[in-house]
Protein backbone atom coordinates (compact mmCIF):
# COMPACT_ATOMS: atom_id res chain seq x y z
CA MET A 1 0.16 -0.24 0.02
CA LYS A 2 3.13 2.62 0.03
CA ASP A 3 1.95 3.70 -3.39
CA LEU A 4 -1.86 4.58 -2.11
CA LYS A 5 -1.89 8.13 -1.63
CA VAL A 6 -3.56 9.80 1.97
CA VAL A 7 -4.57 13.26 3.18
CA PHE A 8 -4.76 12.28 7.01
CA MET A 9 -6.76 14.46 9.05
CA GLY A 10 -6.74 14.91 12.72
CA THR A 11 -5.85 17.27 16.07
CA PRO A 12 -5.09 15.58 19.38
CA GLU A 13 -2.99 13.20 20.65
CA PHE A 14 -4.83 10.65 20.25
CA ALA A 15 -4.82 10.64 16.71
CA VAL A 16 -0.84 10.27 16.66
CA SER A 17 -0.87 6.95 16.68
CA ILE A 18 -3.37 6.22 13.50
CA LEU A 19 -1.08 8.54 11.85
CA ASP A 20 2.08 6.53 12.86
CA ALA A 21 0.36 3.35 11.30
CA LEU A 22 -0.69 5.15 7.70
CA ILE A 23 3.19 6.71 7.44
CA GLN A 24 4.07 3.00 8.19
CA ASN A 25 2.26 1.64 5.79
CA THR A 26 0.54 4.15 3.14
CA ASN A 27 2.00 7.62 1.34
CA VAL A 28 0.81 10.14 3.51
CA VAL A 29 1.02 13.20 1.44
CA MET A 30 -0.65 15.78 3.58
CA VAL A 31 -1.89 15.94 7.06
CA VAL A 32 -4.55 18.44 7.83
CA SER A 33 -4.74 19.76 11.50
CA GLN A 34 -6.54 22.57 13.26
CA PRO A 35 -3.88 25.89 13.78
CA ASP A 36 -1.60 26.40 16.46
CA LYS A 37 -3.07 27.55 19.70
CA LEU A 38 -2.11 29.54 22.79
CA VAL A 39 -1.22 27.50 25.43
CA GLY A 40 -1.05 27.76 29.40
CA ARG A 41 -0.54 30.62 31.33
CA LYS A 42 2.51 32.29 29.11
CA LYS A 43 0.12 31.55 26.19
CA ILE A 44 2.59 30.01 23.82
CA LEU A 45 1.90 29.39 20.29
CA THR A 46 1.62 25.72 19.99
CA SER A 47 1.06 23.26 17.37
CA SER A 48 -1.47 20.30 17.47
CA PRO A 49 0.48 16.48 18.51
CA VAL A 50 -0.63 15.39 14.90
CA LYS A 51 0.89 18.17 13.23
CA ALA A 52 4.12 17.97 15.48
CA ARG A 53 4.38 14.47 14.35
CA ALA A 54 3.67 15.37 10.63
CA LEU A 55 6.80 17.63 10.50
CA GLU A 56 9.41 15.46 12.53
CA ASN A 57 8.37 13.09 8.62
CA GLY A 58 8.90 15.93 6.39
CA ILE A 59 5.45 15.62 5.86
CA GLU A 60 3.27 19.21 3.95
CA VAL A 61 0.72 20.13 6.48
CA TYR A 62 -2.38 22.43 6.24
CA THR A 63 -4.30 24.28 9.29
CA PRO A 64 -6.49 25.89 7.65
CA ASN A 65 -9.35 28.18 10.00
CA LYS A 66 -12.35 26.68 8.34
CA ILE A 67 -12.27 23.34 6.00
CA ARG A 68 -15.69 24.34 5.13
CA GLU A 69 -14.22 27.42 3.33
CA ASP A 70 -10.72 26.70 2.54
CA PHE A 71 -9.58 23.34 1.06
CA GLU A 72 -8.19 23.72 -2.41
CA ARG A 73 -4.89 22.28 -1.43
CA ILE A 74 -6.69 19.15 -0.81
CA ARG A 75 -8.12 19.04 -4.20
CA GLU A 76 -4.61 20.39 -5.48
CA VAL A 77 -3.08 17.38 -3.79
CA ASN A 78 -5.71 14.93 -5.30
CA PRO A 79 -5.32 11.85 -2.43
CA ASP A 80 -6.45 8.18 -3.26
CA ILE A 81 -8.24 8.36 -0.27
CA ILE A 82 -8.67 10.92 3.13
CA ILE A 83 -8.60 9.62 6.90
CA THR A 84 -9.86 11.33 9.57
CA CYS A 85 -9.39 10.90 13.16
CA ALA A 86 -9.83 13.34 15.87
CA TYR A 87 -10.24 16.58 13.34
CA GLY A 88 -12.52 18.71 15.00
CA GLN A 89 -14.27 20.99 12.19
CA ILE A 90 -16.90 19.37 10.08
CA ILE A 91 -15.63 18.53 6.86
CA PRO A 92 -17.90 19.96 3.77
CA LEU A 93 -19.54 17.19 1.36
CA GLU A 94 -17.89 18.42 -1.46
CA LEU A 95 -14.40 17.52 0.35
CA ILE A 96 -15.66 14.16 1.28
CA ASN A 97 -16.92 12.99 -2.22
CA LEU A 98 -13.67 14.31 -3.52
CA PRO A 99 -11.21 11.49 -3.20
CA ARG A 100 -11.75 8.17 -5.83
CA LEU A 101 -11.46 6.08 -2.57
CA GLY A 102 -13.72 7.84 -0.31
CA CYS A 103 -13.63 10.11 3.26
CA VAL A 104 -13.11 7.38 6.06
CA ASN A 105 -13.20 7.99 9.67
CA VAL A 106 -11.82 6.20 12.55
CA HIS A 107 -13.84 7.01 15.48
CA ALA A 108 -13.63 5.77 19.30
CA SER A 109 -16.97 4.10 19.76
CA LEU A 110 -19.27 1.58 19.05
CA LEU A 111 -21.37 3.49 16.51
CA PRO A 112 -23.99 4.47 16.05
CA LYS A 113 -23.36 4.69 20.10
CA TYR A 114 -21.90 8.31 21.17
CA ARG A 115 -21.34 9.88 18.02
CA GLY A 116 -19.88 12.89 18.39
CA GLY A 117 -16.61 15.09 19.84
CA ALA A 118 -16.35 12.88 23.51
CA PRO A 119 -16.99 9.51 22.57
CA ILE A 120 -14.46 8.12 24.98
CA HIS A 121 -15.32 10.28 28.23
CA ARG A 122 -19.05 9.78 27.60
CA ALA A 123 -18.61 6.05 27.15
CA ILE A 124 -16.97 5.50 30.94
CA MET A 125 -19.08 8.51 32.38
CA GLU A 126 -21.84 6.66 31.39
CA GLY A 127 -20.78 3.39 33.10
CA GLU A 128 -20.51 1.62 29.80
CA GLU A 129 -18.76 -2.02 30.28
CA GLU A 130 -17.34 -1.98 26.93
CA THR A 131 -16.58 0.48 24.08
CA GLY A 132 -14.46 -0.19 20.68
CA ILE A 133 -12.94 1.67 17.55
CA THR A 134 -15.60 2.01 14.36
CA ILE A 135 -13.97 2.34 11.24
CA MET A 136 -16.40 4.10 8.85
CA TYR A 137 -17.37 6.39 5.62
CA MET A 138 -18.20 9.58 6.34
CA ASP A 139 -21.00 11.61 5.35
CA ALA A 140 -23.48 14.78 5.69
CA GLU A 141 -24.36 14.29 9.10
CA MET A 142 -22.08 13.63 12.07
CA ASP A 143 -20.89 10.17 12.28
CA SER A 144 -23.45 8.54 10.66
CA GLY A 145 -21.84 7.22 7.68
CA ASP A 146 -21.94 3.56 6.80
CA ILE A 147 -19.79 1.13 8.54
CA ILE A 148 -16.75 -0.47 7.02
CA SER A 149 -15.46 -2.36 10.41
CA LYS A 150 -15.23 -2.02 14.08
CA ARG A 151 -13.83 -4.22 16.98
CA SER A 152 -14.77 -3.81 20.58
CA ILE A 153 -12.84 -3.97 24.03
CA PRO A 154 -13.77 -4.21 27.67
CA ILE A 155 -14.19 -0.68 29.88
CA GLU A 156 -12.34 -2.53 32.98
CA ASP A 157 -13.29 -0.53 36.76
CA GLU A 158 -9.93 1.01 36.85
CA ASP A 159 -9.81 2.68 33.22
CA THR A 160 -9.25 6.14 33.06
CA LEU A 161 -9.85 8.70 30.03
CA ASP A 162 -5.91 8.43 29.55
CA SER A 163 -5.93 4.76 29.80
CA LEU A 164 -8.47 3.94 27.66
CA SER A 165 -7.47 6.55 25.13
CA LEU A 166 -4.38 5.12 24.65
CA LYS A 167 -6.11 1.54 24.47
CA LEU A 168 -8.13 2.52 21.67
CA ALA A 169 -5.40 4.42 20.16
CA ALA A 170 -3.89 1.28 19.99
CA LEU A 171 -6.74 -0.70 18.11
CA GLY A 172 -7.38 2.09 16.03
CA SER A 173 -4.41 1.53 14.40
CA GLU A 174 -4.47 -1.96 14.09
CA ILE A 175 -8.21 -2.27 12.73
CA LEU A 176 -7.37 0.48 9.98
CA ILE A 177 -4.13 -1.10 8.81
CA GLU A 178 -6.03 -4.87 8.68
CA THR A 179 -9.19 -2.97 6.59
CA LEU A 180 -7.36 -0.70 3.94
CA PRO A 181 -6.27 -3.39 1.53
CA SER A 182 -10.32 -3.99 1.23
CA LEU A 183 -10.95 -0.43 0.57
CA VAL A 184 -8.39 -0.21 -1.87
CA GLU A 185 -9.41 -3.60 -3.25
CA GLY A 186 -13.38 -2.69 -2.83
CA THR A 187 -14.34 -6.12 -0.99
CA ASN A 188 -15.07 -4.28 1.98
CA GLU A 189 -18.37 -4.18 3.95
CA ARG A 190 -20.49 -0.91 4.11
CA ILE A 191 -23.08 -1.55 6.11
CA ALA A 192 -25.89 1.50 6.88
CA GLN A 193 -26.24 2.40 10.94
CA ASP A 194 -29.15 2.11 13.05
CA LYS A 195 -30.51 5.77 12.88
CA ASN A 196 -32.90 4.44 16.12
CA SER A 197 -29.94 3.35 18.02
CA ALA A 198 -27.79 6.62 17.63
CA THR A 199 -26.56 8.08 21.29
CA TYR A 200 -24.23 11.03 21.13
CA GLY A 201 -20.90 11.72 23.08
CA TYR A 202 -21.11 15.44 22.44
CA VAL A 203 -17.96 17.52 23.24
CA ILE A 204 -17.56 18.40 27.32
CA THR A 205 -18.65 21.23 28.94
CA LYS A 206 -17.85 23.33 32.56
CA ASP A 207 -20.77 21.69 33.34
CA ASP A 208 -20.33 18.23 32.64
CA GLU A 209 -17.06 18.53 34.82
CA LEU A 210 -19.07 19.64 37.99
CA ILE A 211 -19.39 16.44 40.09
CA ASP A 212 -23.28 16.12 41.69
CA PHE A 213 -22.68 14.20 44.98
CA HIS A 214 -26.39 13.95 44.76
CA THR A 215 -26.20 10.99 42.54
CA THR A 216 -24.63 7.22 43.62
CA THR A 217 -20.84 6.49 44.45
CA LYS A 218 -20.88 4.31 41.07
CA GLU A 219 -21.97 7.59 39.02
CA VAL A 220 -19.37 10.09 41.07
CA TYR A 221 -16.41 7.50 40.49
CA ASP A 222 -17.44 7.12 36.77
CA LYS A 223 -17.58 11.06 36.35
CA ILE A 224 -14.44 11.18 37.86
CA ARG A 225 -12.15 8.54 35.87
CA GLY A 226 -13.92 9.24 32.29
CA LEU A 227 -12.77 13.22 33.02
CA ASN A 228 -9.06 12.57 33.89
CA SER A 229 -7.06 14.04 33.27
CA ILE A 230 -8.39 16.32 30.35
CA PRO A 231 -10.90 18.15 31.93
CA GLY A 232 -10.85 16.84 34.99
CA ALA A 233 -13.91 16.92 37.24
CA TYR A 234 -14.05 19.19 40.07
CA PHE A 235 -15.96 20.46 43.17
CA ILE A 236 -16.18 23.07 45.49
CA MET A 237 -15.07 23.78 48.82
CA ASP A 238 -14.88 27.28 50.62
CA GLY A 239 -15.95 28.63 47.72
CA LYS A 240 -12.94 27.76 45.28
CA HIS A 241 -12.67 25.13 42.65
CA VAL A 242 -10.82 21.57 43.60
CA LYS A 243 -9.97 19.40 40.43
CA VAL A 244 -10.34 15.69 41.07
CA TYR A 245 -7.95 12.62 39.37
CA ALA A 246 -8.67 10.03 41.38
CA SER A 247 -10.90 8.40 43.41
CA ARG A 248 -12.05 5.15 45.18
CA LYS A 249 -15.56 3.82 46.13
CA GLY A 250 -16.02 3.88 50.08
CA THR A 251 -18.89 1.70 52.19
CA ALA A 252 -19.45 4.63 54.76
CA LYS A 253 -22.72 6.57 55.20
CA GLY A 254 -23.59 9.97 55.71
CA PRO A 255 -24.85 13.86 55.02
CA VAL A 256 -24.90 13.82 51.04
CA SER A 257 -22.06 16.47 49.49
CA LYS A 258 -20.39 17.01 53.34
CA ILE A 259 -17.06 15.74 53.84
CA ASN A 260 -17.63 12.74 56.48
CA ASN A 261 -14.53 10.90 56.93
CA VAL A 262 -11.29 11.55 56.34
CA TYR A 263 -8.52 8.69 55.91
CA GLU A 264 -4.80 8.24 55.30
CA ASP A 265 -5.00 9.06 51.52
CA GLY A 266 -8.27 10.37 50.99
CA LEU A 267 -11.73 12.54 51.96
CA GLY A 268 -14.75 10.70 52.35
CA ILE A 269 -17.27 12.86 51.32
CA GLY A 270 -21.27 11.36 51.17
CA THR A 271 -23.29 10.59 47.86
CA LEU A 272 -26.49 9.90 47.47
CA GLU A 273 -26.33 6.11 48.66
CA GLY A 274 -22.91 6.18 50.36
CA GLU A 275 -18.73 7.51 49.74
CA ILE A 276 -16.94 8.46 47.52
CA ILE A 277 -12.99 8.74 48.62
CA ILE A 278 -11.55 11.71 46.83
CA THR A 279 -7.80 10.65 46.48
CA GLU A 280 -5.70 12.67 43.82
CA ILE A 281 -6.98 16.75 43.78
CA LYS A 282 -5.50 19.88 42.29
CA PRO A 283 -6.52 23.21 44.47
CA GLU A 284 -7.30 26.00 42.71
CA GLY A 285 -4.07 27.67 41.98
CA LYS A 286 -1.75 25.02 42.88
CA ASN A 287 -0.35 22.03 41.92
CA ARG A 288 -2.09 18.81 41.33
CA LEU A 289 -0.79 16.55 44.55
CA LEU A 290 -2.14 13.11 46.06
CA VAL A 291 -4.49 13.92 48.99
CA LYS A 292 -2.58 12.11 51.35
CA ASP A 293 0.45 14.98 50.60
CA TYR A 294 -2.75 17.49 50.84
CA LEU A 295 -3.35 16.36 54.51
CA HIS A 296 0.16 16.46 55.38
CA GLY A 297 0.23 18.97 58.55
CA LYS A 298 -3.26 19.58 58.48
CA ASP A 299 -6.03 19.12 61.52
CA LYS A 300 -8.13 16.18 59.70
CA ASN A 301 -10.85 16.98 62.26
CA SER A 302 -11.45 20.36 61.26
CA LEU A 303 -12.12 19.25 57.72
CA LYS A 304 -15.22 16.49 58.80
CA GLY A 305 -18.29 18.23 58.43
CA ILE A 306 -17.33 20.62 55.51
CA ASP A 307 -20.18 21.32 53.18
CA VAL A 308 -19.09 20.14 49.66
CA ASN A 309 -21.02 22.46 46.93
CA ASP A 310 -21.99 20.95 44.24
CA ARG A 311 -22.95 24.50 42.44
CA MET A 312 -21.89 28.01 43.19
CA ASP A 313 -23.75 29.80 45.17
């Protein structure tokens, strides 16, 4: 497949392994990614992970502000196929129909479940027991095109957004390379999605990040791991945001949304039917740290009974 001319469209770290697999197995003639962004407190102009990897390999990079209005350069390249993975913009139908082998997307869910921009976050947050990768043809609607192939993996109880993303990136690379020959030969499957079964993994909002302790312990646990590490779940204590990155399920009971127990490694906060023990945090304006280190030198008894607000007053 080294003579297969590929334009790859992707942006985040998740898509880098897909690009790596394509570089090894095909002729990637162009990479399309989101424009550079100002990152961090110092507002440093930073390239996307996909752009950085493409430049490392001497591949032309194209970063239009609006792909809907500016894709003439892709037309000039005349690729055999366009492959996308977490690109981050809606691709116009004219561009989708451009390559002779079509426009194919690597999506991190078992479509038609969790269409949209945050399928990994949402699968964990919703307590799903499995997820996977779907290779699909793109069409005018979001993640609604015909399925070419897909494969599932279990979501382990200890999985976080980060760990599951790594597993799915590896799976996506594997299944894409296995599927490409059938696309070239025209022998691949093409299965229409059941629109009635579609669910959506919408992009995470600030409201999604706020922990509601008036839910079950498992629901809180799943939200924390589903948002670890970006963007991170949070609660409000003493009027300040506290990011939460790790927790464990406790068995004690007490008032909801209050610190009822202080353990050596965590803060036990009451949930609807039990307790969640927060074990890793980032207090507002401070560094991320383990709760056992946060507690060092503090009067633990003074923390008991503190109301952990699940909303701003």
